[in-house]
Amino acid sequence: METVVGIHRNHFGEIISFVTSGGRVISYQKALMEAANGDITGVLAAEDHHGNLVLSPEQQDQSFDHYPNLF
């Protein structure tokens, strides 16, 4: 099973895609679907306070800031 090893951010600092251990670069939406299906590890799909599905790191005490920004 693949895990998230890096992220890509836009110039606003928003995460736009993820890099997997298999070398794939997947969009935020694709990562959201794969996390919800249990196809990737390192991220969790959860509902925010508005009821929208969002990604969060598996470790609740961490943020995505600990992932390297890979290009």
PDB file of N, CA and C in Angstrom:
ATOM      1  N   MET A   1       0.844  -1.175   0.000  1.00  0.00           N
ATOM      2  CA  MET A   1       0.000   0.000   0.000  1.00  0.00           C
ATOM      3  C   MET A   1       0.893   1.243   0.000  1.00  0.00           C
ATOM      4  N   GLU A   2       0.502   2.216  -0.775  1.00  0.00           N
ATOM      5  CA  GLU A   2       1.266   3.463  -0.865  1.00  0.00           C
ATOM      6  C   GLU A   2       0.972   4.353   0.334  1.00  0.00           C
ATOM      7  N   THR A   3       1.923   5.218   0.623  1.00  0.00           N
ATOM      8  CA  THR A   3       1.752   6.208   1.672  1.00  0.00           C
ATOM      9  C   THR A   3       2.113   7.580   1.115  1.00  0.00           C
ATOM     10  N   VAL A   4       1.639   8.612   1.748  1.00  0.00           N
ATOM     11  CA  VAL A   4       1.957   9.974   1.334  1.00  0.00           C
ATOM     12  C   VAL A   4       3.353  10.303   1.843  1.00  0.00           C
ATOM     13  N   VAL A   5       4.205  10.813   0.946  1.00  0.00           N
ATOM     14  CA  VAL A   5       5.582  11.153   1.321  1.00  0.00           C
ATOM     15  C   VAL A   5       5.912  12.624   1.085  1.00  0.00           C
ATOM     16  N   GLY A   6       5.062  13.347   0.382  1.00  0.00           N
ATOM     17  CA  GLY A   6       5.319  14.752   0.107  1.00  0.00           C
ATOM     18  C   GLY A   6       4.075  15.443  -0.398  1.00  0.00           C
ATOM     19  N   ILE A   7       4.172  16.744  -0.516  1.00  0.00           N
ATOM     20  CA  ILE A   7       3.038  17.549  -0.978  1.00  0.00           C
ATOM     21  C   ILE A   7       3.513  18.571  -1.997  1.00  0.00           C
ATOM     22  N   HIS A   8       2.561  19.114  -2.717  1.00  0.00           N
ATOM     23  CA  HIS A   8       2.790  20.269  -3.589  1.00  0.00           C
ATOM     24  C   HIS A   8       1.843  21.358  -3.112  1.00  0.00           C
ATOM     25  N   ARG A   9       2.357  22.545  -2.952  1.00  0.00           N
ATOM     26  CA  ARG A   9       1.532  23.697  -2.555  1.00  0.00           C
ATOM     27  C   ARG A   9       1.512  24.724  -3.681  1.00  0.00           C
ATOM     28  N   ASN A  10       0.424  25.463  -3.769  1.00  0.00           N
ATOM     29  CA  ASN A  10       0.364  26.562  -4.731  1.00  0.00           C
ATOM     30  C   ASN A  10       1.001  27.800  -4.096  1.00  0.00           C
ATOM     31  N   HIS A  11       1.011  28.905  -4.805  1.00  0.00           N
ATOM     32  CA  HIS A  11       1.680  30.103  -4.298  1.00  0.00           C
ATOM     33  C   HIS A  11       0.937  30.750  -3.125  1.00  0.00           C
ATOM     34  N   PHE A  12      -0.284  30.274  -2.815  1.00  0.00           N
ATOM     35  CA  PHE A  12      -1.015  30.731  -1.638  1.00  0.00           C
ATOM     36  C   PHE A  12      -0.722  29.854  -0.424  1.00  0.00           C
ATOM     37  N   GLY A  13       0.065  28.781  -0.632  1.00  0.00           N
ATOM     38  CA  GLY A  13       0.382  27.862   0.443  1.00  0.00           C
ATOM     39  C   GLY A  13      -0.622  26.736   0.623  1.00  0.00           C
ATOM     40  N   GLU A  14      -1.605  26.659  -0.274  1.00  0.00           N
ATOM     41  CA  GLU A  14      -2.621  25.612  -0.192  1.00  0.00           C
ATOM     42  C   GLU A  14      -2.097  24.331  -0.830  1.00  0.00           C
ATOM     43  N   ILE A  15      -2.417  23.201  -0.211  1.00  0.00           N
ATOM     44  CA  ILE A  15      -2.001  21.923  -0.771  1.00  0.00           C
ATOM     45  C   ILE A  15      -2.848  21.631  -2.004  1.00  0.00           C
ATOM     46  N   ILE A  16      -2.168  21.363  -3.114  1.00  0.00           N
ATOM     47  CA  ILE A  16      -2.902  21.073  -4.348  1.00  0.00           C
ATOM     48  C   ILE A  16      -2.711  19.634  -4.807  1.00  0.00           C
ATOM     49  N   SER A  17      -1.627  18.984  -4.357  1.00  0.00           N
ATOM     50  CA  SER A  17      -1.436  17.583  -4.720  1.00  0.00           C
ATOM     51  C   SER A  17      -0.493  16.918  -3.720  1.00  0.00           C
ATOM     52  N   PHE A  18      -0.493  15.602  -3.791  1.00  0.00           N
ATOM     53  CA  PHE A  18       0.307  14.782  -2.890  1.00  0.00           C
ATOM     54  C   PHE A  18       1.226  13.889  -3.708  1.00  0.00           C
ATOM     55  N   VAL A  19       2.386  13.574  -3.146  1.00  0.00           N
ATOM     56  CA  VAL A  19       3.329  12.647  -3.751  1.00  0.00           C
ATOM     57  C   VAL A  19       3.267  11.365  -2.919  1.00  0.00           C
ATOM     58  N   THR A  20       3.142  10.226  -3.599  1.00  0.00           N
ATOM     59  CA  THR A  20       3.050   8.949  -2.890  1.00  0.00           C
ATOM     60  C   THR A  20       4.391   8.225  -2.909  1.00  0.00           C
ATOM     61  N   SER A  21       4.488   7.209  -2.070  1.00  0.00           N
ATOM     62  CA  SER A  21       5.712   6.404  -2.014  1.00  0.00           C
ATOM     63  C   SER A  21       5.966   5.668  -3.323  1.00  0.00           C
ATOM     64  N   GLY A  22       4.940   5.501  -4.151  1.00  0.00           N
ATOM     65  CA  GLY A  22       5.090   4.873  -5.453  1.00  0.00           C
ATOM     66  C   GLY A  22       5.514   5.851  -6.536  1.00  0.00           C
ATOM     67  N   GLY A  23       5.721   7.131  -6.154  1.00  0.00           N
ATOM     68  CA  GLY A  23       6.158   8.131  -7.112  1.00  0.00           C
ATOM     69  C   GLY A  23       5.025   8.837  -7.846  1.00  0.00           C
ATOM     70  N   ARG A  24       3.796   8.503  -7.500  1.00  0.00           N
ATOM     71  CA  ARG A  24       2.671   9.172  -8.161  1.00  0.00           C
ATOM     72  C   ARG A  24       2.440  10.550  -7.560  1.00  0.00           C
ATOM     73  N   VAL A  25       2.028  11.472  -8.397  1.00  0.00           N
ATOM     74  CA  VAL A  25       1.562  12.781  -7.957  1.00  0.00           C
ATOM     75  C   VAL A  25       0.068  12.782  -8.191  1.00  0.00           C
ATOM     76  N   ILE A  26      -0.692  12.870  -7.102  1.00  0.00           N
ATOM     77  CA  ILE A  26      -2.147  12.799  -7.223  1.00  0.00           C
ATOM     78  C   ILE A  26      -2.767  14.082  -6.676  1.00  0.00           C
ATOM     79  N   SER A  27      -3.851  14.488  -7.279  1.00  0.00           N
ATOM     80  CA  SER A  27      -4.537  15.709  -6.867  1.00  0.00           C
ATOM     81  C   SER A  27      -5.105  15.552  -5.467  1.00  0.00           C
ATOM     82  N   TYR A  28      -5.457  16.658  -4.873  1.00  0.00           N
ATOM     83  CA  TYR A  28      -6.076  16.641  -3.548  1.00  0.00           C
ATOM     84  C   TYR A  28      -7.336  15.785  -3.580  1.00  0.00           C
ATOM     85  N   GLN A  29      -8.158  15.956  -4.619  1.00  0.00           N
ATOM     86  CA  GLN A  29      -9.409  15.196  -4.722  1.00  0.00           C
ATOM     87  C   GLN A  29      -9.151  13.703  -4.875  1.00  0.00           C
ATOM     88  N   LYS A  30      -8.154  13.333  -5.668  1.00  0.00           N
ATOM     89  CA  LYS A  30      -7.801  11.919  -5.844  1.00  0.00           C
ATOM     90  C   LYS A  30      -7.296  11.347  -4.525  1.00  0.00           C
ATOM     91  N   ALA A  31      -6.464  12.102  -3.807  1.00  0.00           N
ATOM     92  CA  ALA A  31      -5.971  11.653  -2.503  1.00  0.00           C
ATOM     93  C   ALA A  31      -7.125  11.493  -1.524  1.00  0.00           C
ATOM     94  N   LEU A  32      -8.081  12.385  -1.581  1.00  0.00           N
ATOM     95  CA  LEU A  32      -9.263  12.304  -0.732  1.00  0.00           C
ATOM     96  C   LEU A  32     -10.032  11.014  -0.999  1.00  0.00           C
ATOM     97  N   MET A  33     -10.240  10.695  -2.268  1.00  0.00           N
ATOM     98  CA  MET A  33     -10.952   9.467  -2.638  1.00  0.00           C
ATOM     99  C   MET A  33     -10.167   8.230  -2.211  1.00  0.00           C
ATOM    100  N   GLU A  34      -8.855   8.231  -2.454  1.00  0.00           N
ATOM    101  CA  GLU A  34      -8.045   7.069  -2.112  1.00  0.00           C
ATOM    102  C   GLU A  34      -7.950   6.876  -0.600  1.00  0.00           C
ATOM    103  N   ALA A  35      -7.880   7.964   0.158  1.00  0.00           N
ATOM    104  CA  ALA A  35      -7.847   7.859   1.618  1.00  0.00           C
ATOM    105  C   ALA A  35      -9.180   7.321   2.139  1.00  0.00           C
ATOM    106  N   ALA A  36     -10.276   7.799   1.581  1.00  0.00           N
ATOM    107  CA  ALA A  36     -11.608   7.329   2.002  1.00  0.00           C
ATOM    108  C   ALA A  36     -11.788   5.850   1.698  1.00  0.00           C
ATOM    109  N   ASN A  37     -11.180   5.380   0.604  1.00  0.00           N
ATOM    110  CA  ASN A  37     -11.277   3.970   0.219  1.00  0.00           C
ATOM    111  C   ASN A  37     -10.228   3.089   0.906  1.00  0.00           C
ATOM    112  N   GLY A  38      -9.300   3.703   1.645  1.00  0.00           N
ATOM    113  CA  GLY A  38      -8.249   2.945   2.310  1.00  0.00           C
ATOM    114  C   GLY A  38      -7.130   2.513   1.386  1.00  0.00           C
ATOM    115  N   ASP A  39      -6.984   3.201   0.251  1.00  0.00           N
ATOM    116  CA  ASP A  39      -5.964   2.839  -0.734  1.00  0.00           C
ATOM    117  C   ASP A  39      -4.601   3.459  -0.464  1.00  0.00           C
ATOM    118  N   ILE A  40      -4.544   4.533   0.313  1.00  0.00           N
ATOM    119  CA  ILE A  40      -3.266   5.140   0.685  1.00  0.00           C
ATOM    120  C   ILE A  40      -3.262   5.376   2.193  1.00  0.00           C
ATOM    121  N   THR A  41      -2.070   5.430   2.754  1.00  0.00           N
ATOM    122  CA  THR A  41      -1.935   5.702   4.180  1.00  0.00           C
ATOM    123  C   THR A  41      -1.196   7.014   4.378  1.00  0.00           C
ATOM    124  N   GLY A  42      -1.221   7.497   5.596  1.00  0.00           N
ATOM    125  CA  GLY A  42      -0.554   8.754   5.921  1.00  0.00           C
ATOM    126  C   GLY A  42      -1.521   9.919   6.008  1.00  0.00           C
ATOM    127  N   VAL A  43      -2.702   9.752   5.434  1.00  0.00           N
ATOM    128  CA  VAL A  43      -3.734  10.783   5.492  1.00  0.00           C
ATOM    129  C   VAL A  43      -5.077  10.128   5.800  1.00  0.00           C
ATOM    130  N   LEU A  44      -5.951  10.912   6.403  1.00  0.00           N
ATOM    131  CA  LEU A  44      -7.302  10.456   6.705  1.00  0.00           C
ATOM    132  C   LEU A  44      -8.316  11.386   6.058  1.00  0.00           C
ATOM    133  N   ALA A  45      -9.388  10.820   5.559  1.00  0.00           N
ATOM    134  CA  ALA A  45     -10.504  11.612   5.045  1.00  0.00           C
ATOM    135  C   ALA A  45     -11.498  11.767   6.186  1.00  0.00           C
ATOM    136  N   ALA A  46     -11.834  13.001   6.536  1.00  0.00           N
ATOM    137  CA  ALA A  46     -12.761  13.264   7.634  1.00  0.00           C
ATOM    138  C   ALA A  46     -13.626  14.460   7.277  1.00  0.00           C
ATOM    139  N   GLU A  47     -14.769  14.555   7.920  1.00  0.00           N
ATOM    140  CA  GLU A  47     -15.658  15.697   7.696  1.00  0.00           C
ATOM    141  C   GLU A  47     -15.203  16.872   8.545  1.00  0.00           C
ATOM    142  N   ASP A  48     -15.224  18.063   7.930  1.00  0.00           N
ATOM    143  CA  ASP A  48     -14.937  19.265   8.703  1.00  0.00           C
ATOM    144  C   ASP A  48     -16.235  19.743   9.367  1.00  0.00           C
ATOM    145  N   HIS A  49     -16.191  20.871  10.025  1.00  0.00           N
ATOM    146  CA  HIS A  49     -17.373  21.364  10.747  1.00  0.00           C
ATOM    147  C   HIS A  49     -18.498  21.827   9.822  1.00  0.00           C
ATOM    148  N   HIS A  50     -18.213  21.905   8.509  1.00  0.00           N
ATOM    149  CA  HIS A  50     -19.248  22.247   7.533  1.00  0.00           C
ATOM    150  C   HIS A  50     -19.814  21.018   6.845  1.00  0.00           C
ATOM    151  N   GLY A  51     -19.290  19.833   7.185  1.00  0.00           N
ATOM    152  CA  GLY A  51     -19.749  18.592   6.567  1.00  0.00           C
ATOM    153  C   GLY A  51     -19.019  18.220   5.295  1.00  0.00           C
ATOM    154  N   ASN A  52     -17.965  18.968   4.943  1.00  0.00           N
ATOM    155  CA  ASN A  52     -17.166  18.669   3.751  1.00  0.00           C
ATOM    156  C   ASN A  52     -16.072  17.674   4.093  1.00  0.00           C
ATOM    157  N   LEU A  53     -15.781  16.772   3.156  1.00  0.00           N
ATOM    158  CA  LEU A  53     -14.665  15.852   3.363  1.00  0.00           C
ATOM    159  C   LEU A  53     -13.350  16.595   3.128  1.00  0.00           C
ATOM    160  N   VAL A  54     -12.430  16.464   4.059  1.00  0.00           N
ATOM    161  CA  VAL A  54     -11.113  17.084   3.965  1.00  0.00           C
ATOM    162  C   VAL A  54     -10.070  16.057   4.386  1.00  0.00           C
ATOM    163  N   LEU A  55      -8.843  16.307   4.022  1.00  0.00           N
ATOM    164  CA  LEU A  55      -7.742  15.427   4.407  1.00  0.00           C
ATOM    165  C   LEU A  55      -7.035  15.985   5.628  1.00  0.00           C
ATOM    166  N   SER A  56      -6.620  15.077   6.482  1.00  0.00           N
ATOM    167  CA  SER A  56      -5.801  15.447   7.624  1.00  0.00           C
ATOM    168  C   SER A  56      -4.726  14.379   7.784  1.00  0.00           C
ATOM    169  N   PRO A  57      -3.608  14.727   8.399  1.00  0.00           N
ATOM    170  CA  PRO A  57      -2.568  13.725   8.628  1.00  0.00           C
ATOM    171  C   PRO A  57      -3.089  12.625   9.550  1.00  0.00           C
ATOM    172  N   GLU A  58      -2.582  11.400   9.358  1.00  0.00           N
ATOM    173  CA  GLU A  58      -2.988  10.287  10.209  1.00  0.00           C
ATOM    174  C   GLU A  58      -2.680  10.561  11.673  1.00  0.00           C
ATOM    175  N   GLN A  59      -1.545  11.153  11.935  1.00  0.00           N
ATOM    176  CA  GLN A  59      -1.153  11.493  13.301  1.00  0.00           C
ATOM    177  C   GLN A  59      -1.860  12.788  13.680  1.00  0.00           C
ATOM    178  N   GLN A  60      -2.776  12.743  14.610  1.00  0.00           N
ATOM    179  CA  GLN A  60      -3.598  13.904  14.946  1.00  0.00           C
ATOM    180  C   GLN A  60      -2.810  15.068  15.513  1.00  0.00           C
ATOM    181  N   ASP A  61      -1.631  14.806  16.079  1.00  0.00           N
ATOM    182  CA  ASP A  61      -0.845  15.887  16.652  1.00  0.00           C
ATOM    183  C   ASP A  61       0.089  16.539  15.638  1.00  0.00           C
ATOM    184  N   GLN A  62      -0.026  16.139  14.365  1.00  0.00           N
ATOM    185  CA  GLN A  62       0.828  16.705  13.321  1.00  0.00           C
ATOM    186  C   GLN A  62      -0.010  17.487  12.319  1.00  0.00           C
ATOM    187  N   SER A  63       0.681  18.250  11.497  1.00  0.00           N
ATOM    188  CA  SER A  63       0.042  18.942  10.386  1.00  0.00           C
ATOM    189  C   SER A  63       0.764  18.517   9.117  1.00  0.00           C
ATOM    190  N   PHE A  64       0.297  19.011   8.001  1.00  0.00           N
ATOM    191  CA  PHE A  64       0.967  18.690   6.746  1.00  0.00           C
ATOM    192  C   PHE A  64       2.292  19.428   6.605  1.00  0.00           C
ATOM    193  N   ASP A  65       2.607  20.300   7.528  1.00  0.00           N
ATOM    194  CA  ASP A  65       3.858  21.055   7.469  1.00  0.00           C
ATOM    195  C   ASP A  65       5.076  20.163   7.605  1.00  0.00           C
ATOM    196  N   HIS A  66       4.930  18.983   8.192  1.00  0.00           N
ATOM    197  CA  HIS A  66       6.092  18.106   8.353  1.00  0.00           C
ATOM    198  C   HIS A  66       6.417  17.334   7.073  1.00  0.00           C
ATOM    199  N   TYR A  67       5.522  17.365   6.072  1.00  0.00           N
ATOM    200  CA  TYR A  67       5.802  16.733   4.788  1.00  0.00           C
ATOM    201  C   TYR A  67       6.662  17.660   3.934  1.00  0.00           C
ATOM    202  N   PRO A  68       7.640  17.111   3.216  1.00  0.00           N
ATOM    203  CA  PRO A  68       8.443  17.981   2.341  1.00  0.00           C
ATOM    204  C   PRO A  68       7.605  18.480   1.169  1.00  0.00           C
ATOM    205  N   ASN A  69       7.925  19.684   0.724  1.00  0.00           N
ATOM    206  CA  ASN A  69       7.267  20.255  -0.443  1.00  0.00           C
ATOM    207  C   ASN A  69       8.055  19.805  -1.675  1.00  0.00           C
ATOM    208  N   LEU A  70       7.599  18.764  -2.332  1.00  0.00           N
ATOM    209  CA  LEU A  70       8.309  18.185  -3.463  1.00  0.00           C
ATOM    210  C   LEU A  70       7.757  18.735  -4.772  1.00  0.00           C
ATOM    211  N   PHE A  71       8.616  18.844  -5.758  1.00  0.00           N
ATOM    212  CA  PHE A  71       8.203  19.360  -7.070  1.00  0.00           C
ATOM    213  C   PHE A  71       8.409  18.320  -8.145  1.00  0.00           C
TER     214      PHE A  71
END
